[in-house]
């Protein structure tokens, strides 16, 4: 019980630090020049990564605190990418930002075996695929069948993730059930008449969906 209270205290403290930093950024952002914004964005990321390294060396018995600060560093990395994109007006597609953010998170998940990194990797991967298939604020040049094929690939990837975790090659029940639900959701969505105008194609997708569910 005492250990749980200690962890809760650390978690609340870290949450308050993050809230204070975000409030500072939000309230003073317009008053900073470009180079100050860049320095603050990069410094925020280095602060949490450096804190994770320091905690791991100074408090080896508190491994959870090192993981939490490392996770905060991964979140701040994504925030820094978004801020730098806004500063330089790169007009980059959203999936590129999520893809760049995804790379270090996946590496952390493999090295630390920490479940929140697995979940964050899964979420970022889904956003990357979704924004690649249906970009926001841009006119898609893909045809109906190409878009449908990409969504089918996304469905297959989620089914593959579910199967890998089900075979105990990776232990993450949250991702397993999330991938299973997304598999059903995407399959049902692309089977709707509003998505596929061809009735024969829609019937084929529905039949394939029920076969997969039965299996």
N, C-alpha and C. Protein backbone atom coordinates (compact mmCIF):
# COMPACT_ATOMS: atom_id res chain seq x y z
N UNK A 1 0.83 -1.20 0.00
CA UNK A 1 0.00 0.00 0.00
C UNK A 1 0.87 1.26 0.00
N UNK A 2 1.91 1.23 0.82
CA UNK A 2 2.79 2.39 0.90
C UNK A 2 3.51 2.62 -0.43
N UNK A 3 3.91 1.52 -1.08
CA UNK A 3 4.60 1.65 -2.37
C UNK A 3 3.67 2.26 -3.41
N UNK A 4 2.39 1.89 -3.38
CA UNK A 4 1.44 2.45 -4.32
C UNK A 4 1.24 3.95 -4.09
N UNK A 5 1.21 4.36 -2.82
CA UNK A 5 1.07 5.78 -2.52
C UNK A 5 2.29 6.56 -2.99
N UNK A 6 3.48 5.96 -2.84
CA UNK A 6 4.70 6.62 -3.31
C UNK A 6 4.65 6.80 -4.83
N UNK A 7 4.24 5.75 -5.54
CA UNK A 7 4.14 5.84 -7.00
C UNK A 7 3.10 6.87 -7.41
N UNK A 8 1.98 6.92 -6.68
CA UNK A 8 0.94 7.89 -6.99
C UNK A 8 1.47 9.31 -6.79
N UNK A 9 2.26 9.51 -5.75
CA UNK A 9 2.85 10.83 -5.51
C UNK A 9 3.78 11.24 -6.64
N UNK A 10 4.62 10.30 -7.09
CA UNK A 10 5.51 10.58 -8.22
C UNK A 10 4.71 10.90 -9.48
N UNK A 11 3.65 10.13 -9.72
CA UNK A 11 2.83 10.33 -10.91
C UNK A 11 2.15 11.69 -10.89
N UNK A 12 1.60 12.07 -9.74
CA UNK A 12 0.96 13.37 -9.63
C UNK A 12 1.97 14.50 -9.82
N UNK A 13 3.16 14.32 -9.24
CA UNK A 13 4.20 15.33 -9.41
C UNK A 13 4.61 15.50 -10.86
N UNK A 14 4.78 14.38 -11.56
CA UNK A 14 5.15 14.45 -12.98
C UNK A 14 4.03 15.07 -13.80
N UNK A 15 2.78 14.74 -13.46
CA UNK A 15 1.64 15.33 -14.18
C UNK A 15 1.58 16.84 -13.97
N UNK A 16 1.87 17.29 -12.75
CA UNK A 16 1.85 18.73 -12.47
C UNK A 16 2.97 19.45 -13.22
N UNK A 17 4.15 18.81 -13.29
CA UNK A 17 5.26 19.40 -14.05
C UNK A 17 4.88 19.55 -15.52
N UNK A 18 4.30 18.50 -16.11
CA UNK A 18 3.87 18.56 -17.51
C UNK A 18 2.80 19.64 -17.72
N UNK A 19 1.85 19.72 -16.78
CA UNK A 19 0.79 20.73 -16.90
C UNK A 19 1.37 22.13 -16.82
N UNK A 20 2.33 22.34 -15.91
CA UNK A 20 2.95 23.65 -15.78
C UNK A 20 3.72 24.05 -17.04
N UNK A 21 4.44 23.08 -17.63
CA UNK A 21 5.20 23.37 -18.85
C UNK A 21 4.26 23.71 -20.00
N UNK A 22 3.20 22.93 -20.16
CA UNK A 22 2.25 23.19 -21.25
C UNK A 22 1.56 24.54 -21.05
N UNK A 23 1.23 24.88 -19.81
CA UNK A 23 0.60 26.18 -19.55
C UNK A 23 1.56 27.31 -19.87
N UNK A 24 2.83 27.12 -19.53
CA UNK A 24 3.85 28.14 -19.84
C UNK A 24 3.97 28.34 -21.35
N UNK A 25 3.99 27.26 -22.09
CA UNK A 25 4.08 27.36 -23.54
C UNK A 25 2.85 28.06 -24.11
N UNK A 26 1.68 27.65 -23.65
CA UNK A 26 0.44 28.19 -24.22
C UNK A 26 0.27 29.67 -23.93
N UNK A 27 0.66 30.11 -22.75
CA UNK A 27 0.43 31.50 -22.36
C UNK A 27 1.49 32.47 -22.89
N UNK A 28 2.67 31.98 -23.23
CA UNK A 28 3.76 32.87 -23.66
C UNK A 28 4.26 32.61 -25.08
N UNK A 29 3.61 31.69 -25.80
CA UNK A 29 4.12 31.27 -27.10
C UNK A 29 4.22 32.42 -28.09
N UNK A 30 3.23 33.28 -28.13
CA UNK A 30 3.22 34.37 -29.10
C UNK A 30 4.30 35.41 -28.82
N UNK A 31 4.78 35.47 -27.59
CA UNK A 31 5.79 36.45 -27.24
C UNK A 31 7.21 36.02 -27.53
N UNK A 32 7.43 34.76 -27.93
CA UNK A 32 8.77 34.26 -28.21
C UNK A 32 9.10 34.45 -29.69
N UNK A 33 10.38 34.69 -29.96
CA UNK A 33 10.80 34.71 -31.35
C UNK A 33 11.08 33.28 -31.82
N UNK A 34 11.43 33.14 -33.10
CA UNK A 34 11.58 31.81 -33.69
C UNK A 34 12.64 30.99 -33.00
N UNK A 35 13.80 31.57 -32.74
CA UNK A 35 14.90 30.81 -32.17
C UNK A 35 14.63 30.41 -30.72
N UNK A 36 13.92 31.27 -30.00
CA UNK A 36 13.53 30.92 -28.63
C UNK A 36 12.55 29.76 -28.64
N UNK A 37 11.62 29.76 -29.59
CA UNK A 37 10.67 28.66 -29.70
C UNK A 37 11.39 27.34 -29.99
N UNK A 38 12.37 27.39 -30.89
CA UNK A 38 13.12 26.18 -31.23
C UNK A 38 13.89 25.68 -30.01
N UNK A 39 14.55 26.61 -29.31
CA UNK A 39 15.34 26.23 -28.13
C UNK A 39 14.45 25.62 -27.05
N UNK A 40 13.28 26.21 -26.83
CA UNK A 40 12.37 25.68 -25.82
C UNK A 40 11.83 24.31 -26.23
N UNK A 41 11.52 24.13 -27.50
CA UNK A 41 10.99 22.85 -27.97
C UNK A 41 12.02 21.73 -27.79
N UNK A 42 13.25 22.01 -28.23
CA UNK A 42 14.30 21.01 -28.10
C UNK A 42 14.69 20.82 -26.63
N UNK A 43 14.73 21.91 -25.87
CA UNK A 43 15.09 21.82 -24.45
C UNK A 43 14.08 21.01 -23.66
N UNK A 44 12.80 21.14 -23.99
CA UNK A 44 11.77 20.35 -23.31
C UNK A 44 11.99 18.87 -23.52
N UNK A 45 12.32 18.49 -24.74
CA UNK A 45 12.56 17.08 -25.04
C UNK A 45 13.80 16.58 -24.30
N UNK A 46 14.89 17.36 -24.34
CA UNK A 46 16.13 16.95 -23.69
C UNK A 46 15.97 16.91 -22.17
N UNK A 47 15.12 17.77 -21.63
CA UNK A 47 14.89 17.79 -20.19
C UNK A 47 14.37 16.45 -19.71
N UNK A 48 13.36 15.90 -20.38
CA UNK A 48 12.77 14.64 -19.93
C UNK A 48 13.68 13.46 -20.22
N UNK A 49 14.33 13.46 -21.37
CA UNK A 49 15.26 12.37 -21.66
C UNK A 49 16.43 12.38 -20.69
N UNK A 50 16.95 13.57 -20.39
CA UNK A 50 18.03 13.68 -19.41
C UNK A 50 17.57 13.27 -18.02
N UNK A 51 16.34 13.64 -17.67
CA UNK A 51 15.80 13.26 -16.36
C UNK A 51 15.66 11.75 -16.24
N UNK A 52 15.22 11.11 -17.34
CA UNK A 52 15.08 9.64 -17.34
C UNK A 52 16.43 8.98 -17.12
N UNK A 53 17.46 9.48 -17.79
CA UNK A 53 18.80 8.92 -17.62
C UNK A 53 19.31 9.14 -16.20
N UNK A 54 19.09 10.36 -15.66
CA UNK A 54 19.56 10.67 -14.31
C UNK A 54 18.85 9.81 -13.26
N UNK A 55 17.54 9.67 -13.42
CA UNK A 55 16.77 8.86 -12.46
C UNK A 55 17.23 7.41 -12.50
N UNK A 56 17.50 6.91 -13.69
CA UNK A 56 17.93 5.52 -13.82
C UNK A 56 19.27 5.29 -13.12
N UNK A 57 20.16 6.28 -13.15
CA UNK A 57 21.46 6.16 -12.51
C UNK A 57 21.40 6.42 -11.01
N UNK A 58 20.63 7.43 -10.60
CA UNK A 58 20.59 7.84 -9.20
C UNK A 58 19.59 7.04 -8.37
N UNK A 59 18.49 6.62 -8.99
CA UNK A 59 17.45 5.87 -8.27
C UNK A 59 17.15 4.57 -9.01
N UNK A 60 18.10 3.63 -9.03
CA UNK A 60 17.87 2.39 -9.78
C UNK A 60 16.73 1.55 -9.20
N UNK A 61 16.41 1.76 -7.92
CA UNK A 61 15.33 0.98 -7.31
C UNK A 61 13.96 1.50 -7.72
N UNK A 62 13.91 2.69 -8.31
CA UNK A 62 12.64 3.27 -8.77
C UNK A 62 12.60 3.22 -10.30
N UNK A 63 12.58 2.01 -10.84
CA UNK A 63 12.60 1.84 -12.30
C UNK A 63 11.36 2.45 -12.95
N UNK A 64 10.24 2.41 -12.26
CA UNK A 64 9.00 2.93 -12.84
C UNK A 64 9.11 4.43 -13.10
N UNK A 65 9.84 5.15 -12.24
CA UNK A 65 9.98 6.59 -12.43
C UNK A 65 10.80 6.91 -13.67
N UNK A 66 11.82 6.09 -13.92
CA UNK A 66 12.61 6.25 -15.15
C UNK A 66 11.76 6.01 -16.39
N UNK A 67 10.89 5.00 -16.31
CA UNK A 67 10.01 4.71 -17.45
C UNK A 67 9.02 5.85 -17.67
N UNK A 68 8.50 6.41 -16.58
CA UNK A 68 7.53 7.49 -16.72
C UNK A 68 8.16 8.73 -17.35
N UNK A 69 9.35 9.09 -16.89
CA UNK A 69 10.02 10.26 -17.45
C UNK A 69 10.43 10.01 -18.91
N UNK A 70 10.78 8.76 -19.22
CA UNK A 70 11.10 8.43 -20.60
C UNK A 70 9.86 8.54 -21.48
N UNK A 71 8.72 8.11 -20.95
CA UNK A 71 7.46 8.24 -21.69
C UNK A 71 7.10 9.71 -21.87
N UNK A 72 7.33 10.52 -20.84
CA UNK A 72 7.10 11.96 -20.97
C UNK A 72 8.02 12.55 -22.02
N UNK A 73 9.25 12.04 -22.11
CA UNK A 73 10.17 12.50 -23.14
C UNK A 73 9.68 12.14 -24.54
N UNK A 74 9.10 10.94 -24.69
CA UNK A 74 8.55 10.54 -25.98
C UNK A 74 7.37 11.43 -26.37
N UNK A 75 6.54 11.78 -25.40
CA UNK A 75 5.42 12.68 -25.69
C UNK A 75 5.91 14.08 -26.04
N UNK A 76 6.93 14.54 -25.33
CA UNK A 76 7.48 15.86 -25.63
C UNK A 76 8.16 15.88 -26.99
N UNK A 77 8.70 14.73 -27.43
CA UNK A 77 9.29 14.64 -28.77
C UNK A 77 8.23 14.88 -29.83
N UNK A 78 7.07 14.27 -29.67
CA UNK A 78 5.98 14.51 -30.61
C UNK A 78 5.52 15.95 -30.59
N UNK A 79 5.47 16.55 -29.38
CA UNK A 79 5.09 17.95 -29.27
C UNK A 79 6.12 18.84 -29.96
N UNK A 80 7.39 18.51 -29.82
CA UNK A 80 8.46 19.30 -30.46
C UNK A 80 8.35 19.23 -31.98
N UNK A 81 8.04 18.05 -32.50
CA UNK A 81 7.88 17.90 -33.96
C UNK A 81 6.76 18.80 -34.46
N UNK A 82 5.63 18.78 -33.74
CA UNK A 82 4.49 19.61 -34.15
C UNK A 82 4.84 21.09 -34.06
N UNK A 83 5.55 21.50 -33.01
CA UNK A 83 5.91 22.91 -32.85
C UNK A 83 6.89 23.36 -33.93
N UNK A 84 7.89 22.52 -34.23
CA UNK A 84 8.84 22.87 -35.28
C UNK A 84 8.17 22.95 -36.65
N UNK A 85 7.23 22.05 -36.88
CA UNK A 85 6.49 22.11 -38.14
C UNK A 85 5.68 23.39 -38.25
N UNK A 86 5.13 23.82 -37.11
CA UNK A 86 4.35 25.07 -37.11
C UNK A 86 5.25 26.28 -37.25
N UNK A 87 6.43 26.25 -36.64
CA UNK A 87 7.36 27.38 -36.70
C UNK A 87 7.82 27.62 -38.12
N UNK A 88 8.20 26.55 -38.81
CA UNK A 88 8.75 26.68 -40.16
C UNK A 88 7.71 26.55 -41.26
N UNK A 89 6.44 26.34 -40.87
CA UNK A 89 5.36 26.22 -41.87
C UNK A 89 5.73 25.21 -42.96
N UNK A 90 6.10 24.02 -42.52
CA UNK A 90 6.56 23.02 -43.48
C UNK A 90 5.43 22.49 -44.35
N UNK A 91 4.20 22.61 -43.88
CA UNK A 91 3.03 22.10 -44.60
C UNK A 91 3.19 20.60 -44.91
N UNK A 92 3.88 19.92 -44.01
CA UNK A 92 4.07 18.48 -44.20
C UNK A 92 2.76 17.75 -43.92
N UNK A 93 2.56 16.66 -44.64
CA UNK A 93 1.38 15.85 -44.39
C UNK A 93 1.42 15.29 -42.97
N UNK A 94 0.24 15.13 -42.39
CA UNK A 94 0.17 14.71 -40.99
C UNK A 94 0.81 13.34 -40.77
N UNK A 95 0.70 12.45 -41.75
CA UNK A 95 1.23 11.11 -41.54
C UNK A 95 2.76 11.13 -41.41
N UNK A 96 3.43 12.11 -42.03
CA UNK A 96 4.88 12.21 -41.88
C UNK A 96 5.25 12.56 -40.44
N UNK A 97 4.51 13.46 -39.83
CA UNK A 97 4.77 13.84 -38.45
C UNK A 97 4.57 12.66 -37.51
N UNK A 98 3.48 11.91 -37.71
CA UNK A 98 3.23 10.74 -36.87
C UNK A 98 4.26 9.65 -37.12
N UNK A 99 4.71 9.52 -38.36
CA UNK A 99 5.71 8.50 -38.69
C UNK A 99 7.04 8.81 -38.01
N UNK A 100 7.45 10.08 -38.07
CA UNK A 100 8.70 10.47 -37.40
C UNK A 100 8.59 10.26 -35.89
N UNK A 101 7.45 10.58 -35.34
CA UNK A 101 7.21 10.38 -33.90
C UNK A 101 7.21 8.89 -33.55
N UNK A 102 6.72 8.07 -34.47
CA UNK A 102 6.58 6.64 -34.22
C UNK A 102 7.93 5.93 -34.07
N UNK A 103 8.93 6.36 -34.84
CA UNK A 103 10.21 5.64 -34.88
C UNK A 103 10.87 5.52 -33.51
N UNK A 104 11.11 6.61 -32.76
CA UNK A 104 11.74 6.44 -31.45
C UNK A 104 10.86 5.71 -30.44
N UNK A 105 9.54 5.88 -30.56
CA UNK A 105 8.63 5.20 -29.62
C UNK A 105 8.72 3.69 -29.79
N UNK A 106 8.78 3.22 -31.05
CA UNK A 106 8.93 1.78 -31.29
C UNK A 106 10.26 1.28 -30.71
N UNK A 107 11.33 2.04 -30.89
CA UNK A 107 12.63 1.64 -30.35
C UNK A 107 12.57 1.56 -28.83
N UNK A 108 11.94 2.53 -28.19
CA UNK A 108 11.81 2.49 -26.73
C UNK A 108 10.99 1.28 -26.28
N UNK A 109 9.95 0.94 -27.04
CA UNK A 109 9.11 -0.19 -26.66
C UNK A 109 9.89 -1.50 -26.70
N UNK A 110 10.78 -1.65 -27.68
CA UNK A 110 11.57 -2.88 -27.78
C UNK A 110 12.65 -2.94 -26.71
N UNK A 111 13.25 -1.80 -26.39
CA UNK A 111 14.34 -1.79 -25.43
C UNK A 111 13.84 -1.86 -23.98
N UNK A 112 12.72 -1.19 -23.69
CA UNK A 112 12.24 -1.13 -22.31
C UNK A 112 11.21 -2.20 -21.98
N UNK A 113 10.51 -2.74 -22.99
CA UNK A 113 9.42 -3.70 -22.78
C UNK A 113 8.32 -3.12 -21.89
N UNK A 114 8.16 -1.80 -21.95
CA UNK A 114 7.20 -1.09 -21.11
C UNK A 114 5.88 -0.97 -21.86
N UNK A 115 4.79 -1.41 -21.24
CA UNK A 115 3.50 -1.50 -21.92
C UNK A 115 2.99 -0.17 -22.49
N UNK A 116 3.09 0.95 -21.77
CA UNK A 116 2.61 2.21 -22.36
C UNK A 116 3.31 2.55 -23.68
N UNK A 117 4.56 2.14 -23.85
CA UNK A 117 5.23 2.39 -25.13
C UNK A 117 4.63 1.53 -26.23
N UNK A 118 4.23 0.30 -25.90
CA UNK A 118 3.55 -0.54 -26.88
C UNK A 118 2.24 0.12 -27.31
N UNK A 119 1.48 0.61 -26.33
CA UNK A 119 0.19 1.22 -26.63
C UNK A 119 0.38 2.49 -27.46
N UNK A 120 1.36 3.33 -27.07
CA UNK A 120 1.61 4.56 -27.81
C UNK A 120 2.07 4.26 -29.24
N UNK A 121 2.90 3.23 -29.40
CA UNK A 121 3.34 2.83 -30.74
C UNK A 121 2.16 2.41 -31.59
N UNK A 122 1.26 1.63 -30.99
CA UNK A 122 0.07 1.17 -31.72
C UNK A 122 -0.80 2.34 -32.15
N UNK A 123 -1.02 3.29 -31.25
CA UNK A 123 -1.86 4.46 -31.56
C UNK A 123 -1.23 5.30 -32.67
N UNK A 124 0.07 5.55 -32.56
CA UNK A 124 0.75 6.36 -33.57
C UNK A 124 0.76 5.65 -34.93
N UNK A 125 0.91 4.34 -34.91
CA UNK A 125 0.89 3.58 -36.16
C UNK A 125 -0.47 3.68 -36.84
N UNK A 126 -1.53 3.60 -36.05
CA UNK A 126 -2.87 3.71 -36.62
C UNK A 126 -3.11 5.09 -37.21
N UNK A 127 -2.67 6.14 -36.51
CA UNK A 127 -2.82 7.50 -37.03
C UNK A 127 -2.01 7.69 -38.31
N UNK A 128 -0.80 7.10 -38.33
CA UNK A 128 0.03 7.22 -39.53
C UNK A 128 -0.67 6.61 -40.74
N UNK A 129 -1.20 5.40 -40.57
CA UNK A 129 -1.89 4.75 -41.68
C UNK A 129 -3.16 5.50 -42.07
N UNK A 130 -3.93 5.96 -41.07
CA UNK A 130 -5.20 6.63 -41.36
C UNK A 130 -4.97 7.94 -42.12
N UNK A 131 -3.99 8.74 -41.68
CA UNK A 131 -3.73 10.01 -42.36
C UNK A 131 -3.05 9.80 -43.71
N UNK A 132 -2.35 8.69 -43.88
CA UNK A 132 -1.77 8.40 -45.20
C UNK A 132 -2.87 8.05 -46.20
N UNK A 133 -3.85 7.27 -45.75
CA UNK A 133 -4.93 6.86 -46.64
C UNK A 133 -5.88 8.02 -46.92
N UNK A 134 -6.24 8.76 -45.86
CA UNK A 134 -7.18 9.87 -46.00
C UNK A 134 -6.57 11.13 -45.40
N UNK A 135 -5.72 11.83 -46.15
CA UNK A 135 -5.07 13.04 -45.62
C UNK A 135 -6.09 14.13 -45.36
N UNK A 136 -5.82 14.92 -44.30
CA UNK A 136 -6.71 16.03 -43.95
C UNK A 136 -6.24 17.30 -44.65
N UNK A 137 -7.17 18.03 -45.20
CA UNK A 137 -6.84 19.30 -45.84
C UNK A 137 -6.20 19.16 -47.20
N UNK A 138 -6.25 17.97 -47.78
CA UNK A 138 -5.67 17.76 -49.11
C UNK A 138 -6.65 16.95 -49.94
N UNK A 139 -6.65 17.21 -51.22
CA UNK A 139 -7.51 16.48 -52.14
C UNK A 139 -6.82 15.19 -52.54
N UNK A 140 -7.45 14.08 -52.22
CA UNK A 140 -6.84 12.79 -52.54
C UNK A 140 -6.92 12.50 -54.03
N UNK A 141 -5.82 12.02 -54.58
CA UNK A 141 -5.75 11.70 -56.00
C UNK A 141 -5.99 10.22 -56.26
N UNK A 142 -6.29 9.48 -55.20
CA UNK A 142 -6.47 8.04 -55.35
C UNK A 142 -7.88 7.73 -55.83
N UNK A 143 -7.97 6.64 -56.57
CA UNK A 143 -9.26 6.17 -57.00
C UNK A 143 -9.94 5.35 -55.92
N UNK A 144 -11.18 4.96 -56.22
CA UNK A 144 -11.97 4.21 -55.23
C UNK A 144 -11.32 2.88 -54.90
N UNK A 145 -10.88 2.15 -55.91
CA UNK A 145 -10.32 0.83 -55.68
C UNK A 145 -8.97 0.91 -54.97
N UNK A 146 -8.18 1.92 -55.28
CA UNK A 146 -6.89 2.07 -54.59
C UNK A 146 -7.10 2.39 -53.12
N UNK A 147 -8.05 3.27 -52.82
CA UNK A 147 -8.35 3.59 -51.42
C UNK A 147 -8.86 2.37 -50.68
N UNK A 148 -9.71 1.62 -51.37
CA UNK A 148 -10.25 0.40 -50.76
C UNK A 148 -9.14 -0.61 -50.49
N UNK A 149 -8.20 -0.72 -51.39
CA UNK A 149 -7.08 -1.64 -51.21
C UNK A 149 -6.21 -1.23 -50.02
N UNK A 150 -6.01 0.08 -49.85
CA UNK A 150 -5.22 0.57 -48.72
C UNK A 150 -5.92 0.28 -47.39
N UNK A 151 -7.23 0.49 -47.37
CA UNK A 151 -7.98 0.17 -46.15
C UNK A 151 -7.96 -1.33 -45.86
N UNK A 152 -8.01 -2.13 -46.91
CA UNK A 152 -7.92 -3.58 -46.72
C UNK A 152 -6.55 -3.95 -46.14
N UNK A 153 -5.49 -3.26 -46.59
CA UNK A 153 -4.17 -3.49 -46.03
C UNK A 153 -4.10 -3.10 -44.57
N UNK A 154 -4.74 -1.99 -44.22
CA UNK A 154 -4.79 -1.56 -42.82
C UNK A 154 -5.54 -2.58 -41.97
N UNK A 155 -6.61 -3.13 -42.52
CA UNK A 155 -7.37 -4.17 -41.82
C UNK A 155 -6.51 -5.41 -41.60
N UNK A 156 -5.78 -5.81 -42.63
CA UNK A 156 -4.93 -6.99 -42.53
C UNK A 156 -3.83 -6.78 -41.50
N UNK A 157 -3.26 -5.58 -41.44
CA UNK A 157 -2.21 -5.29 -40.47
C UNK A 157 -2.75 -5.42 -39.05
N UNK A 158 -3.95 -4.91 -38.80
CA UNK A 158 -4.54 -5.04 -37.46
C UNK A 158 -4.85 -6.50 -37.12
N UNK A 159 -5.28 -7.26 -38.11
CA UNK A 159 -5.51 -8.68 -37.88
C UNK A 159 -4.20 -9.40 -37.58
N UNK A 160 -3.14 -9.00 -38.27
CA UNK A 160 -1.83 -9.59 -38.03
C UNK A 160 -1.32 -9.26 -36.63
N UNK A 161 -1.52 -8.01 -36.20
CA UNK A 161 -1.12 -7.62 -34.84
C UNK A 161 -1.87 -8.45 -33.81
N UNK A 162 -3.17 -8.61 -34.03
CA UNK A 162 -3.97 -9.42 -33.11
C UNK A 162 -3.45 -10.86 -33.06
N UNK A 163 -3.14 -11.42 -34.20
CA UNK A 163 -2.68 -12.81 -34.26
C UNK A 163 -1.33 -12.98 -33.58
N UNK A 164 -0.42 -12.04 -33.78
CA UNK A 164 0.92 -12.13 -33.16
C UNK A 164 0.81 -12.09 -31.64
N UNK A 165 -0.01 -11.17 -31.12
CA UNK A 165 -0.16 -11.07 -29.66
C UNK A 165 -0.90 -12.29 -29.13
N UNK A 166 -1.87 -12.78 -29.90
CA UNK A 166 -2.62 -13.96 -29.47
C UNK A 166 -1.71 -15.17 -29.36
N UNK A 167 -0.69 -15.25 -30.20
CA UNK A 167 0.27 -16.35 -30.17
C UNK A 167 1.34 -16.14 -29.09
N UNK A 168 1.16 -15.09 -28.26
CA UNK A 168 2.06 -14.81 -27.13
C UNK A 168 3.47 -14.42 -27.55
N UNK A 169 3.63 -13.98 -28.77
CA UNK A 169 4.94 -13.48 -29.16
C UNK A 169 5.19 -12.10 -28.56
N UNK A 170 4.15 -11.38 -28.25
CA UNK A 170 4.21 -10.13 -27.51
C UNK A 170 3.04 -10.13 -26.55
N UNK A 171 3.25 -9.63 -25.33
CA UNK A 171 2.20 -9.65 -24.32
C UNK A 171 1.65 -8.24 -24.13
N UNK A 172 0.50 -7.99 -24.72
CA UNK A 172 -0.16 -6.70 -24.56
C UNK A 172 -1.64 -6.87 -24.84
N UNK A 173 -2.43 -7.22 -23.83
CA UNK A 173 -3.87 -7.44 -24.03
C UNK A 173 -4.59 -6.21 -24.56
N UNK A 174 -4.17 -5.03 -24.14
CA UNK A 174 -4.84 -3.81 -24.59
C UNK A 174 -4.73 -3.67 -26.10
N UNK A 175 -3.52 -3.86 -26.63
CA UNK A 175 -3.33 -3.75 -28.08
C UNK A 175 -4.05 -4.88 -28.81
N UNK A 176 -4.06 -6.07 -28.22
CA UNK A 176 -4.71 -7.21 -28.86
C UNK A 176 -6.19 -6.92 -29.09
N UNK A 177 -6.90 -6.47 -28.06
CA UNK A 177 -8.32 -6.19 -28.20
C UNK A 177 -8.58 -4.95 -29.04
N UNK A 178 -7.68 -3.95 -28.94
CA UNK A 178 -7.84 -2.76 -29.77
C UNK A 178 -7.68 -3.10 -31.25
N UNK A 179 -6.69 -3.93 -31.58
CA UNK A 179 -6.50 -4.35 -32.97
C UNK A 179 -7.69 -5.16 -33.47
N UNK A 180 -8.24 -6.00 -32.60
CA UNK A 180 -9.41 -6.81 -32.96
C UNK A 180 -10.62 -5.92 -33.26
N UNK A 181 -10.83 -4.90 -32.41
CA UNK A 181 -11.96 -3.99 -32.62
C UNK A 181 -11.76 -3.14 -33.88
N UNK A 182 -10.54 -2.68 -34.12
CA UNK A 182 -10.27 -1.88 -35.32
C UNK A 182 -10.44 -2.72 -36.58
N UNK A 183 -10.05 -3.97 -36.51
CA UNK A 183 -10.24 -4.87 -37.65
C UNK A 183 -11.72 -4.93 -38.04
N UNK A 184 -12.58 -5.11 -37.04
CA UNK A 184 -14.01 -5.16 -37.32
C UNK A 184 -14.55 -3.81 -37.81
N UNK A 185 -14.10 -2.75 -37.15
CA UNK A 185 -14.62 -1.42 -37.48
C UNK A 185 -14.28 -1.04 -38.93
N UNK A 186 -13.02 -1.24 -39.32
CA UNK A 186 -12.61 -0.85 -40.67
C UNK A 186 -13.31 -1.72 -41.71
N UNK A 187 -13.40 -3.01 -41.41
CA UNK A 187 -14.04 -3.91 -42.36
C UNK A 187 -15.51 -3.54 -42.56
N UNK A 188 -16.21 -3.24 -41.48
CA UNK A 188 -17.61 -2.85 -41.60
C UNK A 188 -17.75 -1.51 -42.31
N UNK A 189 -16.83 -0.59 -42.04
CA UNK A 189 -16.90 0.74 -42.66
C UNK A 189 -16.76 0.67 -44.17
N UNK A 190 -15.76 -0.10 -44.63
CA UNK A 190 -15.56 -0.18 -46.09
C UNK A 190 -16.64 -1.02 -46.76
N UNK A 191 -17.45 -1.72 -45.98
CA UNK A 191 -18.53 -2.51 -46.56
C UNK A 191 -19.81 -1.71 -46.72
N UNK A 192 -19.86 -0.49 -46.18
CA UNK A 192 -21.06 0.33 -46.26
C UNK A 192 -21.28 0.85 -47.69
N UNK A 193 -22.53 1.09 -48.07
CA UNK A 193 -22.82 1.59 -49.42
C UNK A 193 -22.20 2.96 -49.71
N UNK A 194 -22.12 3.80 -48.67
CA UNK A 194 -21.55 5.13 -48.88
C UNK A 194 -20.06 5.08 -49.20
N UNK A 195 -19.42 4.01 -48.83
CA UNK A 195 -17.99 3.91 -49.07
C UNK A 195 -17.69 3.24 -50.40
N UNK A 196 -18.38 2.18 -50.69
CA UNK A 196 -18.17 1.46 -51.95
C UNK A 196 -19.45 1.54 -52.76
N UNK A 197 -19.37 2.14 -53.90
CA UNK A 197 -20.56 2.29 -54.72
C UNK A 197 -20.97 0.99 -55.40
N UNK A 198 -20.02 0.10 -55.62
CA UNK A 198 -20.31 -1.14 -56.32
C UNK A 198 -20.99 -2.13 -55.38
N UNK A 199 -22.18 -2.59 -55.75
CA UNK A 199 -22.92 -3.52 -54.89
C UNK A 199 -22.22 -4.88 -54.82
N UNK A 200 -21.69 -5.35 -55.94
CA UNK A 200 -21.01 -6.64 -55.94
C UNK A 200 -19.75 -6.60 -55.07
N UNK A 201 -19.03 -5.48 -55.13
CA UNK A 201 -17.84 -5.33 -54.30
C UNK A 201 -18.23 -5.30 -52.83
N UNK A 202 -19.33 -4.63 -52.52
CA UNK A 202 -19.79 -4.54 -51.14
C UNK A 202 -20.20 -5.91 -50.62
N UNK A 203 -20.90 -6.66 -51.42
CA UNK A 203 -21.32 -8.01 -51.01
C UNK A 203 -20.10 -8.90 -50.78
N UNK A 204 -19.10 -8.77 -51.65
CA UNK A 204 -17.88 -9.56 -51.48
C UNK A 204 -17.17 -9.22 -50.18
N UNK A 205 -17.13 -7.93 -49.84
CA UNK A 205 -16.47 -7.52 -48.60
C UNK A 205 -17.23 -8.03 -47.38
N UNK A 206 -18.54 -7.97 -47.43
CA UNK A 206 -19.34 -8.46 -46.30
C UNK A 206 -19.13 -9.96 -46.11
N UNK A 207 -19.14 -10.72 -47.20
CA UNK A 207 -18.90 -12.16 -47.11
C UNK A 207 -17.51 -12.46 -46.55
N UNK A 208 -16.52 -11.72 -47.03
CA UNK A 208 -15.17 -11.93 -46.53
C UNK A 208 -15.07 -11.58 -45.05
N UNK A 209 -15.79 -10.54 -44.64
CA UNK A 209 -15.81 -10.15 -43.24
C UNK A 209 -16.38 -11.26 -42.37
N UNK A 210 -17.50 -11.84 -42.76
CA UNK A 210 -18.12 -12.88 -41.96
C UNK A 210 -17.28 -14.16 -41.94
N UNK A 211 -16.61 -14.44 -43.02
CA UNK A 211 -15.71 -15.60 -43.05
C UNK A 211 -14.57 -15.42 -42.06
N UNK A 212 -13.99 -14.21 -42.06
CA UNK A 212 -12.91 -13.91 -41.10
C UNK A 212 -13.41 -14.00 -39.66
N UNK A 213 -14.60 -13.46 -39.41
CA UNK A 213 -15.15 -13.53 -38.05
C UNK A 213 -15.41 -14.98 -37.63
N UNK A 214 -15.93 -15.78 -38.55
CA UNK A 214 -16.19 -17.19 -38.23
C UNK A 214 -14.89 -17.90 -37.90
N UNK A 215 -13.84 -17.63 -38.68
CA UNK A 215 -12.55 -18.28 -38.44
C UNK A 215 -11.98 -17.87 -37.09
